[in-house]
Amino acid sequence: MVGLLGLTANTLAIAVPFVACLYQFTRNTYSLNVPMADWTLIIPFSFLLSVCGLIGGVLAPRRIRFVTAAGGLIISSVILAVPIIL
């Protein structure tokens, strides 16, 4: 069960920024009068989800432990690196 939660957290950590980018794109393309996505909330939330995925990977059953933990580590590294690069 912990492995499934870790995989779900990793999936959401990737999906949330992509959905926010899609939201921004449609907002700007179609000139919608809706509020902008708040990136100061999205980036820490995605980082928190990826850390939860890392912890879930460490506590997961042996069969999926490495993949889930490595996924959480890689996702959290990318989330931390993107604001530094931009």
N, C-alpha and C. Protein backbone atom coordinates (compact mmCIF):
# COMPACT_ATOMS: atom_id res chain seq x y z
N MET A 1 0.81 -1.20 0.00
CA MET A 1 0.00 0.00 0.00
C MET A 1 0.87 1.27 0.00
N VAL A 2 1.97 1.23 0.72
CA VAL A 2 2.86 2.39 0.76
C VAL A 2 3.48 2.63 -0.61
N GLY A 3 3.78 1.56 -1.33
CA GLY A 3 4.34 1.69 -2.67
C GLY A 3 3.37 2.38 -3.62
N LEU A 4 2.10 2.01 -3.51
CA LEU A 4 1.08 2.63 -4.35
C LEU A 4 0.95 4.12 -4.04
N LEU A 5 1.01 4.48 -2.77
CA LEU A 5 0.96 5.90 -2.40
C LEU A 5 2.19 6.66 -2.92
N GLY A 6 3.35 6.01 -2.87
CA GLY A 6 4.56 6.64 -3.41
C GLY A 6 4.47 6.85 -4.91
N LEU A 7 3.96 5.85 -5.63
CA LEU A 7 3.81 5.98 -7.07
C LEU A 7 2.78 7.05 -7.42
N THR A 8 1.70 7.11 -6.66
CA THR A 8 0.68 8.13 -6.89
C THR A 8 1.25 9.53 -6.63
N ALA A 9 2.02 9.68 -5.57
CA ALA A 9 2.64 10.97 -5.25
C ALA A 9 3.60 11.39 -6.35
N ASN A 10 4.39 10.45 -6.87
CA ASN A 10 5.30 10.78 -7.97
C ASN A 10 4.54 11.19 -9.23
N THR A 11 3.45 10.49 -9.51
CA THR A 11 2.66 10.83 -10.69
C THR A 11 2.05 12.22 -10.55
N LEU A 12 1.52 12.52 -9.39
CA LEU A 12 0.94 13.86 -9.19
C LEU A 12 2.00 14.95 -9.19
N ALA A 13 3.21 14.63 -8.71
CA ALA A 13 4.29 15.61 -8.71
C ALA A 13 4.67 16.00 -10.13
N ILE A 14 4.51 15.09 -11.08
CA ILE A 14 4.77 15.40 -12.48
C ILE A 14 3.56 16.07 -13.12
N ALA A 15 2.37 15.58 -12.80
CA ALA A 15 1.15 16.03 -13.47
C ALA A 15 0.74 17.45 -13.10
N VAL A 16 0.93 17.84 -11.87
CA VAL A 16 0.47 19.16 -11.41
C VAL A 16 1.13 20.30 -12.20
N PRO A 17 2.45 20.33 -12.38
CA PRO A 17 3.03 21.43 -13.17
C PRO A 17 2.61 21.39 -14.64
N PHE A 18 2.46 20.19 -15.21
CA PHE A 18 2.03 20.10 -16.61
C PHE A 18 0.61 20.62 -16.78
N VAL A 19 -0.26 20.29 -15.85
CA VAL A 19 -1.64 20.79 -15.92
C VAL A 19 -1.65 22.31 -15.75
N ALA A 20 -0.79 22.82 -14.87
CA ALA A 20 -0.71 24.28 -14.69
C ALA A 20 -0.19 24.96 -15.96
N CYS A 21 0.78 24.35 -16.63
CA CYS A 21 1.28 24.91 -17.89
C CYS A 21 0.19 24.88 -18.96
N LEU A 22 -0.55 23.80 -19.04
CA LEU A 22 -1.66 23.71 -19.98
C LEU A 22 -2.73 24.75 -19.67
N TYR A 23 -3.00 24.95 -18.40
CA TYR A 23 -3.94 25.98 -17.97
C TYR A 23 -3.47 27.37 -18.41
N GLN A 24 -2.18 27.65 -18.20
CA GLN A 24 -1.63 28.95 -18.60
C GLN A 24 -1.72 29.13 -20.11
N PHE A 25 -1.40 28.06 -20.85
CA PHE A 25 -1.44 28.14 -22.30
C PHE A 25 -2.85 28.43 -22.81
N THR A 26 -3.83 27.71 -22.29
CA THR A 26 -5.20 27.94 -22.75
C THR A 26 -5.71 29.30 -22.28
N ARG A 27 -5.28 29.73 -21.12
CA ARG A 27 -5.69 31.05 -20.62
C ARG A 27 -5.17 32.15 -21.53
N ASN A 28 -3.91 32.03 -21.92
CA ASN A 28 -3.30 33.06 -22.77
C ASN A 28 -3.76 32.96 -24.22
N THR A 29 -3.96 31.75 -24.71
CA THR A 29 -4.34 31.56 -26.10
C THR A 29 -5.75 32.06 -26.37
N TYR A 30 -6.67 31.73 -25.49
CA TYR A 30 -8.07 32.07 -25.72
C TYR A 30 -8.51 33.33 -24.97
N SER A 31 -7.59 34.04 -24.39
CA SER A 31 -7.85 35.28 -23.65
C SER A 31 -8.99 35.12 -22.65
N LEU A 32 -8.89 34.07 -21.86
CA LEU A 32 -9.90 33.82 -20.84
C LEU A 32 -9.71 34.77 -19.66
N ASN A 33 -10.79 35.17 -19.07
CA ASN A 33 -10.74 36.07 -17.93
C ASN A 33 -10.79 35.25 -16.64
N VAL A 34 -9.75 34.47 -16.42
CA VAL A 34 -9.62 33.65 -15.21
C VAL A 34 -8.28 33.97 -14.56
N PRO A 35 -8.14 33.70 -13.27
CA PRO A 35 -6.88 34.03 -12.61
C PRO A 35 -5.71 33.16 -13.10
N MET A 36 -4.53 33.73 -12.99
CA MET A 36 -3.32 33.00 -13.38
C MET A 36 -3.00 31.91 -12.37
N ALA A 37 -2.23 30.92 -12.80
CA ALA A 37 -1.77 29.87 -11.90
C ALA A 37 -0.73 30.47 -10.95
N ASP A 38 -0.79 30.12 -9.69
CA ASP A 38 0.13 30.65 -8.68
C ASP A 38 1.32 29.70 -8.55
N TRP A 39 2.42 30.04 -9.23
CA TRP A 39 3.58 29.16 -9.24
C TRP A 39 4.28 29.11 -7.89
N THR A 40 4.05 30.11 -7.04
CA THR A 40 4.67 30.06 -5.71
C THR A 40 4.01 28.99 -4.84
N LEU A 41 2.85 28.51 -5.23
CA LEU A 41 2.21 27.40 -4.53
C LEU A 41 2.43 26.08 -5.26
N ILE A 42 2.50 26.12 -6.58
CA ILE A 42 2.60 24.89 -7.37
C ILE A 42 3.95 24.21 -7.18
N ILE A 43 5.02 24.97 -7.23
CA ILE A 43 6.36 24.38 -7.13
C ILE A 43 6.61 23.74 -5.76
N PRO A 44 6.32 24.40 -4.63
CA PRO A 44 6.51 23.71 -3.34
C PRO A 44 5.57 22.51 -3.17
N PHE A 45 4.35 22.60 -3.69
CA PHE A 45 3.42 21.47 -3.59
C PHE A 45 3.95 20.27 -4.39
N SER A 46 4.48 20.51 -5.58
CA SER A 46 5.05 19.42 -6.38
C SER A 46 6.29 18.85 -5.71
N PHE A 47 7.09 19.72 -5.10
CA PHE A 47 8.28 19.23 -4.39
C PHE A 47 7.87 18.38 -3.19
N LEU A 48 6.86 18.81 -2.47
CA LEU A 48 6.36 18.03 -1.34
C LEU A 48 5.84 16.66 -1.80
N LEU A 49 5.14 16.63 -2.90
CA LEU A 49 4.65 15.36 -3.44
C LEU A 49 5.81 14.45 -3.85
N SER A 50 6.84 15.01 -4.45
CA SER A 50 7.97 14.17 -4.86
C SER A 50 8.74 13.65 -3.65
N VAL A 51 8.83 14.44 -2.60
CA VAL A 51 9.47 13.94 -1.36
C VAL A 51 8.62 12.84 -0.73
N CYS A 52 7.30 12.99 -0.79
CA CYS A 52 6.43 11.91 -0.31
C CYS A 52 6.62 10.65 -1.15
N GLY A 53 6.81 10.82 -2.46
CA GLY A 53 7.10 9.68 -3.32
C GLY A 53 8.43 9.03 -2.97
N LEU A 54 9.42 9.83 -2.62
CA LEU A 54 10.71 9.29 -2.21
C LEU A 54 10.59 8.51 -0.91
N ILE A 55 9.88 9.06 0.04
CA ILE A 55 9.68 8.37 1.32
C ILE A 55 8.85 7.10 1.11
N GLY A 56 7.82 7.20 0.27
CA GLY A 56 7.03 6.01 -0.04
C GLY A 56 7.85 4.95 -0.74
N GLY A 57 8.80 5.38 -1.57
CA GLY A 57 9.68 4.42 -2.24
C GLY A 57 10.62 3.72 -1.28
N VAL A 58 11.09 4.44 -0.29
CA VAL A 58 11.98 3.82 0.71
C VAL A 58 11.21 2.79 1.54
N LEU A 59 9.95 3.07 1.83
CA LEU A 59 9.14 2.17 2.65
C LEU A 59 8.36 1.14 1.83
N ALA A 60 8.48 1.18 0.51
CA ALA A 60 7.71 0.29 -0.37
C ALA A 60 8.24 -1.14 -0.28
N PRO A 61 7.45 -2.09 -0.78
CA PRO A 61 7.95 -3.47 -0.86
C PRO A 61 9.19 -3.56 -1.73
N ARG A 62 9.97 -4.58 -1.51
CA ARG A 62 11.27 -4.69 -2.15
C ARG A 62 11.19 -4.65 -3.67
N ARG A 63 10.15 -5.17 -4.23
CA ARG A 63 10.04 -5.28 -5.68
C ARG A 63 9.99 -3.91 -6.38
N ILE A 64 9.39 -2.92 -5.77
CA ILE A 64 9.27 -1.61 -6.41
C ILE A 64 10.02 -0.51 -5.64
N ARG A 65 10.79 -0.88 -4.68
CA ARG A 65 11.46 0.09 -3.81
C ARG A 65 12.39 1.01 -4.58
N PHE A 66 13.29 0.44 -5.36
CA PHE A 66 14.30 1.26 -6.04
C PHE A 66 13.67 2.21 -7.06
N VAL A 67 12.74 1.69 -7.84
CA VAL A 67 12.14 2.51 -8.91
C VAL A 67 11.37 3.68 -8.31
N THR A 68 10.60 3.43 -7.28
CA THR A 68 9.79 4.49 -6.68
C THR A 68 10.67 5.52 -5.98
N ALA A 69 11.67 5.06 -5.25
CA ALA A 69 12.57 6.00 -4.56
C ALA A 69 13.39 6.81 -5.55
N ALA A 70 13.88 6.16 -6.60
CA ALA A 70 14.65 6.89 -7.61
C ALA A 70 13.78 7.89 -8.35
N GLY A 71 12.53 7.52 -8.62
CA GLY A 71 11.61 8.45 -9.27
C GLY A 71 11.38 9.68 -8.42
N GLY A 72 11.15 9.49 -7.12
CA GLY A 72 10.96 10.63 -6.22
C GLY A 72 12.19 11.51 -6.14
N LEU A 73 13.37 10.89 -6.13
CA LEU A 73 14.61 11.65 -6.07
C LEU A 73 14.84 12.46 -7.34
N ILE A 74 14.60 11.85 -8.48
CA ILE A 74 14.80 12.53 -9.76
C ILE A 74 13.81 13.67 -9.93
N ILE A 75 12.55 13.41 -9.61
CA ILE A 75 11.53 14.45 -9.75
C ILE A 75 11.82 15.63 -8.84
N SER A 76 12.20 15.35 -7.59
CA SER A 76 12.51 16.45 -6.67
C SER A 76 13.73 17.23 -7.14
N SER A 77 14.71 16.55 -7.72
CA SER A 77 15.89 17.25 -8.23
C SER A 77 15.53 18.17 -9.39
N VAL A 78 14.66 17.69 -10.27
CA VAL A 78 14.25 18.52 -11.42
C VAL A 78 13.43 19.71 -10.94
N ILE A 79 12.54 19.48 -9.97
CA ILE A 79 11.73 20.59 -9.47
C ILE A 79 12.58 21.66 -8.79
N LEU A 80 13.64 21.24 -8.12
CA LEU A 80 14.54 22.22 -7.51
C LEU A 80 15.42 22.91 -8.54
N ALA A 81 15.76 22.22 -9.63
CA ALA A 81 16.68 22.78 -10.61
C ALA A 81 16.00 23.76 -11.56
N VAL A 82 14.75 23.55 -11.87
CA VAL A 82 14.06 24.39 -12.86
C VAL A 82 14.01 25.87 -12.45
N PRO A 83 13.62 26.22 -11.21
CA PRO A 83 13.64 27.66 -10.87
C PRO A 83 15.05 28.26 -10.87
N ILE A 84 16.06 27.45 -10.60
CA ILE A 84 17.44 27.96 -10.60
C ILE A 84 17.88 28.26 -12.03
N ILE A 85 17.50 27.39 -12.97
CA ILE A 85 17.86 27.56 -14.38
C ILE A 85 17.14 28.76 -14.98
N LEU A 86 15.84 28.87 -14.67
CA LEU A 86 15.06 29.96 -15.24
C LEU A 86 15.35 31.23 -14.51
